[in-house]
Amino acid sequence: MSDSNLPHVTVAAIIERDGRFLLVEEHTPQGLRLNNPAGHLEPGENLLQAVVRETLEETAHAFRPTELLGVYQSHGMRQGASVHYVRFAFVGELGAHDPSRGLDQGIVRTLWMSLDELHASRERHRSPSVLQCALDHASGRRWPLDLLHGDAAMQHGQP
């Protein structure tokens, strides 16, 4: 199998307050899209470290994952090629906002949306996982974090 067929591992933070979900509006090759705070797993980090980092970079908020919402597969296009994504979505607690921190490159703003607003904006979602994660969250789906395992080096963020 060539490297181009390997799945891209991503993480996402699914954060809900008072019936509204935290999203980011971001520039993509397809134009402005809505997404959960999310991004790619980087070398040397585990899934929990990745979701904490991505949430901070995209929202300027601390995040503490408390449960695994689910694992989602999707296909998309990237630089003209079909890409397979595997997303690990986490539920957790949104922490303090750092007003001195800028948002990651490409992120226009953060916003809070209800399930009705998410349904109505489906054509602007970065992937079908945005709505599916919100629906799964609303249904109460959760898995304990100890479902995830990594070798000792990964637990300490070592390559």
C-alpha atoms as a PDB file:
ATOM      1  CA  MET A   1       0.000   0.000   0.000  1.00  0.00           C
ATOM      2  CA  SER A   2       1.342   3.397  -0.905  1.00  0.00           C
ATOM      3  CA  ASP A   3       1.524   6.192   1.673  1.00  0.00           C
ATOM      4  CA  SER A   4      -1.170   8.045  -0.270  1.00  0.00           C
ATOM      5  CA  ASN A   5      -3.666   5.325   0.745  1.00  0.00           C
ATOM      6  CA  LEU A   6      -2.902   5.502   4.449  1.00  0.00           C
ATOM      7  CA  PRO A   7      -5.573   7.125   6.614  1.00  0.00           C
ATOM      8  CA  HIS A   8      -4.976  10.560   8.080  1.00  0.00           C
ATOM      9  CA  VAL A   9      -5.545  10.406  11.843  1.00  0.00           C
ATOM     10  CA  THR A  10      -7.387  13.437  13.201  1.00  0.00           C
ATOM     11  CA  VAL A  11      -8.807  14.482  16.553  1.00  0.00           C
ATOM     12  CA  ALA A  12     -11.794  16.688  17.367  1.00  0.00           C
ATOM     13  CA  ALA A  13     -13.158  18.350  20.497  1.00  0.00           C
ATOM     14  CA  ILE A  14     -16.936  18.190  20.852  1.00  0.00           C
ATOM     15  CA  ILE A  15     -17.827  20.911  23.317  1.00  0.00           C
ATOM     16  CA  GLU A  16     -21.429  21.678  24.267  1.00  0.00           C
ATOM     17  CA  ARG A  17     -22.786  24.377  26.569  1.00  0.00           C
ATOM     18  CA  ASP A  18     -26.467  25.030  27.119  1.00  0.00           C
ATOM     19  CA  GLY A  19     -27.455  23.135  23.968  1.00  0.00           C
ATOM     20  CA  ARG A  20     -24.919  24.885  21.724  1.00  0.00           C
ATOM     21  CA  PHE A  21     -21.745  23.430  20.223  1.00  0.00           C
ATOM     22  CA  LEU A  22     -18.415  25.216  19.856  1.00  0.00           C
ATOM     23  CA  LEU A  23     -17.313  25.374  16.220  1.00  0.00           C
ATOM     24  CA  VAL A  24     -14.656  27.120  14.209  1.00  0.00           C
ATOM     25  CA  GLU A  25     -15.140  28.805  10.873  1.00  0.00           C
ATOM     26  CA  GLU A  26     -12.091  28.188   8.723  1.00  0.00           C
ATOM     27  CA  HIS A  27     -10.684  28.781   5.270  1.00  0.00           C
ATOM     28  CA  THR A  28     -10.436  25.572   3.223  1.00  0.00           C
ATOM     29  CA  PRO A  29      -9.806  24.864  -0.467  1.00  0.00           C
ATOM     30  CA  GLN A  30     -13.622  24.594  -0.727  1.00  0.00           C
ATOM     31  CA  GLY A  31     -14.139  28.038   0.833  1.00  0.00           C
ATOM     32  CA  LEU A  32     -15.247  28.974   4.359  1.00  0.00           C
ATOM     33  CA  ARG A  33     -16.339  25.866   6.253  1.00  0.00           C
ATOM     34  CA  LEU A  34     -17.560  25.016   9.739  1.00  0.00           C
ATOM     35  CA  ASN A  35     -15.758  22.408  11.792  1.00  0.00           C
ATOM     36  CA  ASN A  36     -15.312  21.234  15.338  1.00  0.00           C
ATOM     37  CA  PRO A  37     -12.001  22.313  16.837  1.00  0.00           C
ATOM     38  CA  ALA A  38      -9.959  19.599  15.138  1.00  0.00           C
ATOM     39  CA  GLY A  39      -6.725  18.702  13.446  1.00  0.00           C
ATOM     40  CA  HIS A  40      -4.121  16.097  12.678  1.00  0.00           C
ATOM     41  CA  LEU A  41      -2.209  13.921  15.102  1.00  0.00           C
ATOM     42  CA  GLU A  42       1.422  15.048  15.031  1.00  0.00           C
ATOM     43  CA  PRO A  43       4.516  12.860  15.440  1.00  0.00           C
ATOM     44  CA  GLY A  44       5.377  12.120  19.050  1.00  0.00           C
ATOM     45  CA  GLU A  45       1.999  12.969  20.580  1.00  0.00           C
ATOM     46  CA  ASN A  46      -0.843  10.779  21.740  1.00  0.00           C
ATOM     47  CA  LEU A  47      -4.495  11.365  20.871  1.00  0.00           C
ATOM     48  CA  LEU A  48      -5.294  13.250  24.081  1.00  0.00           C
ATOM     49  CA  GLN A  49      -2.319  15.567  23.707  1.00  0.00           C
ATOM     50  CA  ALA A  50      -3.362  16.228  20.103  1.00  0.00           C
ATOM     51  CA  VAL A  51      -6.941  17.221  20.935  1.00  0.00           C
ATOM     52  CA  VAL A  52      -5.781  19.504  23.757  1.00  0.00           C
ATOM     53  CA  ARG A  53      -3.249  21.182  21.438  1.00  0.00           C
ATOM     54  CA  GLU A  54      -5.652  21.539  18.501  1.00  0.00           C
ATOM     55  CA  THR A  55      -8.394  23.041  20.662  1.00  0.00           C
ATOM     56  CA  LEU A  56      -5.988  25.589  22.123  1.00  0.00           C
ATOM     57  CA  GLU A  57      -4.607  26.489  18.690  1.00  0.00           C
ATOM     58  CA  GLU A  58      -8.017  26.863  17.041  1.00  0.00           C
ATOM     59  CA  THR A  59     -10.058  28.451  19.856  1.00  0.00           C
ATOM     60  CA  ALA A  60      -7.510  29.952  22.304  1.00  0.00           C
ATOM     61  CA  HIS A  61      -9.251  27.900  25.027  1.00  0.00           C
ATOM     62  CA  ALA A  62      -7.801  25.205  27.232  1.00  0.00           C
ATOM     63  CA  PHE A  63      -9.545  21.828  26.877  1.00  0.00           C
ATOM     64  CA  ARG A  64      -9.624  18.782  29.133  1.00  0.00           C
ATOM     65  CA  PRO A  65     -10.911  15.634  27.420  1.00  0.00           C
ATOM     66  CA  THR A  66     -13.058  13.511  29.704  1.00  0.00           C
ATOM     67  CA  GLU A  67     -14.545  10.874  27.374  1.00  0.00           C
ATOM     68  CA  LEU A  68     -14.246   9.460  23.885  1.00  0.00           C
ATOM     69  CA  LEU A  69     -17.344  10.243  21.828  1.00  0.00           C
ATOM     70  CA  GLY A  70     -16.490   7.937  18.952  1.00  0.00           C
ATOM     71  CA  VAL A  71     -14.296   7.097  15.996  1.00  0.00           C
ATOM     72  CA  TYR A  72     -15.439   8.338  12.585  1.00  0.00           C
ATOM     73  CA  GLN A  73     -14.269   7.531   9.069  1.00  0.00           C
ATOM     74  CA  SER A  74     -14.722   9.780   6.072  1.00  0.00           C
ATOM     75  CA  HIS A  75     -13.277  10.532   2.660  1.00  0.00           C
ATOM     76  CA  GLY A  76     -12.405  13.914   1.296  1.00  0.00           C
ATOM     77  CA  MET A  77     -10.301  15.567  -1.352  1.00  0.00           C
ATOM     78  CA  ARG A  78      -6.921  17.085  -0.633  1.00  0.00           C
ATOM     79  CA  GLN A  79      -4.771  18.577  -3.379  1.00  0.00           C
ATOM     80  CA  GLY A  80      -6.852  16.754  -5.986  1.00  0.00           C
ATOM     81  CA  ALA A  81      -6.495  13.320  -4.394  1.00  0.00           C
ATOM     82  CA  SER A  82      -8.978  11.264  -2.393  1.00  0.00           C
ATOM     83  CA  VAL A  83      -8.008  11.099   1.291  1.00  0.00           C
ATOM     84  CA  HIS A  84      -9.246   8.713   3.970  1.00  0.00           C
ATOM     85  CA  TYR A  85      -9.668  10.282   7.428  1.00  0.00           C
ATOM     86  CA  VAL A  86     -10.063   8.544  10.786  1.00  0.00           C
ATOM     87  CA  ARG A  87     -11.319  10.996  13.427  1.00  0.00           C
ATOM     88  CA  PHE A  88     -11.176  10.421  17.172  1.00  0.00           C
ATOM     89  CA  ALA A  89     -13.757  12.744  18.727  1.00  0.00           C
ATOM     90  CA  PHE A  90     -13.543  13.674  22.395  1.00  0.00           C
ATOM     91  CA  VAL A  91     -16.002  15.210  24.830  1.00  0.00           C
ATOM     92  CA  GLY A  92     -14.560  17.364  27.560  1.00  0.00           C
ATOM     93  CA  GLU A  93     -14.465  20.538  29.534  1.00  0.00           C
ATOM     94  CA  LEU A  94     -13.659  23.877  27.979  1.00  0.00           C
ATOM     95  CA  GLY A  95     -11.208  25.773  30.117  1.00  0.00           C
ATOM     96  CA  ALA A  96      -9.986  29.327  30.337  1.00  0.00           C
ATOM     97  CA  HIS A  97      -9.738  31.553  27.295  1.00  0.00           C
ATOM     98  CA  ASP A  98      -6.362  33.153  26.580  1.00  0.00           C
ATOM     99  CA  PRO A  99      -7.214  36.527  24.978  1.00  0.00           C
ATOM    100  CA  SER A 100      -3.554  37.141  24.130  1.00  0.00           C
ATOM    101  CA  ARG A 101      -3.423  34.025  21.943  1.00  0.00           C
ATOM    102  CA  GLY A 102      -4.264  34.339  18.265  1.00  0.00           C
ATOM    103  CA  LEU A 103      -6.253  31.682  16.437  1.00  0.00           C
ATOM    104  CA  ASP A 104      -4.473  29.170  14.217  1.00  0.00           C
ATOM    105  CA  GLN A 105      -3.764  30.105  10.596  1.00  0.00           C
ATOM    106  CA  GLY A 106      -6.934  29.758   8.524  1.00  0.00           C
ATOM    107  CA  ILE A 107      -9.323  30.025  11.472  1.00  0.00           C
ATOM    108  CA  VAL A 108     -11.608  33.045  11.021  1.00  0.00           C
ATOM    109  CA  ARG A 109     -13.596  32.834  14.251  1.00  0.00           C
ATOM    110  CA  THR A 110     -15.221  30.602  16.827  1.00  0.00           C
ATOM    111  CA  LEU A 111     -18.979  30.365  17.191  1.00  0.00           C
ATOM    112  CA  TRP A 112     -21.632  28.470  19.130  1.00  0.00           C
ATOM    113  CA  MET A 113     -24.424  26.687  17.234  1.00  0.00           C
ATOM    114  CA  SER A 114     -27.499  24.712  18.259  1.00  0.00           C
ATOM    115  CA  LEU A 115     -28.398  21.351  16.716  1.00  0.00           C
ATOM    116  CA  ASP A 116     -31.037  23.103  14.595  1.00  0.00           C
ATOM    117  CA  GLU A 117     -28.434  25.558  13.332  1.00  0.00           C
ATOM    118  CA  LEU A 118     -26.032  22.684  12.613  1.00  0.00           C
ATOM    119  CA  HIS A 119     -28.718  20.878  10.604  1.00  0.00           C
ATOM    120  CA  ALA A 120     -29.487  24.050   8.653  1.00  0.00           C
ATOM    121  CA  SER A 121     -25.800  24.684   7.832  1.00  0.00           C
ATOM    122  CA  ARG A 122     -24.846  21.149   6.696  1.00  0.00           C
ATOM    123  CA  GLU A 123     -23.659  22.352   3.277  1.00  0.00           C
ATOM    124  CA  ARG A 124     -21.005  24.466   5.048  1.00  0.00           C
ATOM    125  CA  HIS A 125     -19.602  21.655   7.222  1.00  0.00           C
ATOM    126  CA  ARG A 126     -16.037  20.579   6.584  1.00  0.00           C
ATOM    127  CA  SER A 127     -17.182  16.957   6.805  1.00  0.00           C
ATOM    128  CA  PRO A 128     -20.319  14.969   7.645  1.00  0.00           C
ATOM    129  CA  SER A 129     -18.655  14.163  10.996  1.00  0.00           C
ATOM    130  CA  VAL A 130     -19.407  17.678  12.281  1.00  0.00           C
ATOM    131  CA  LEU A 131     -23.149  17.020  12.478  1.00  0.00           C
ATOM    132  CA  GLN A 132     -22.788  13.332  13.343  1.00  0.00           C
ATOM    133  CA  CYS A 133     -20.600  14.135  16.346  1.00  0.00           C
ATOM    134  CA  ALA A 134     -23.164  16.658  17.625  1.00  0.00           C
ATOM    135  CA  LEU A 135     -25.980  14.132  17.183  1.00  0.00           C
ATOM    136  CA  ASP A 136     -23.981  11.434  18.972  1.00  0.00           C
ATOM    137  CA  HIS A 137     -23.196  13.860  21.791  1.00  0.00           C
ATOM    138  CA  ALA A 138     -26.867  14.805  22.131  1.00  0.00           C
ATOM    139  CA  SER A 139     -27.823  11.111  22.280  1.00  0.00           C
ATOM    140  CA  GLY A 140     -25.496  10.616  25.266  1.00  0.00           C
ATOM    141  CA  ARG A 141     -22.951   8.421  23.516  1.00  0.00           C
ATOM    142  CA  ARG A 142     -19.695   8.249  25.512  1.00  0.00           C
ATOM    143  CA  TRP A 143     -16.774   5.870  26.046  1.00  0.00           C
ATOM    144  CA  PRO A 144     -14.200   5.984  28.864  1.00  0.00           C
ATOM    145  CA  LEU A 145     -10.756   7.309  27.966  1.00  0.00           C
ATOM    146  CA  ASP A 146      -9.167   4.100  29.241  1.00  0.00           C
ATOM    147  CA  LEU A 147     -10.490   2.502  26.055  1.00  0.00           C
ATOM    148  CA  LEU A 148      -7.426   4.086  24.406  1.00  0.00           C
ATOM    149  CA  HIS A 149      -4.047   2.419  24.794  1.00  0.00           C
ATOM    150  CA  GLY A 150      -0.555   3.407  23.723  1.00  0.00           C
ATOM    151  CA  ASP A 151       2.908   2.285  24.620  1.00  0.00           C
ATOM    152  CA  ALA A 152       4.667   3.986  27.514  1.00  0.00           C
ATOM    153  CA  ALA A 153       6.587   6.363  25.246  1.00  0.00           C
ATOM    154  CA  MET A 154       3.329   7.683  23.720  1.00  0.00           C
ATOM    155  CA  GLN A 155       1.831   8.290  27.151  1.00  0.00           C
ATOM    156  CA  HIS A 156       4.640  10.752  27.798  1.00  0.00           C
ATOM    157  CA  GLY A 157       4.654  12.340  24.353  1.00  0.00           C
ATOM    158  CA  GLN A 158       7.939  10.761  23.329  1.00  0.00           C
ATOM    159  CA  PRO A 159       8.557   9.712  19.708  1.00  0.00           C
END
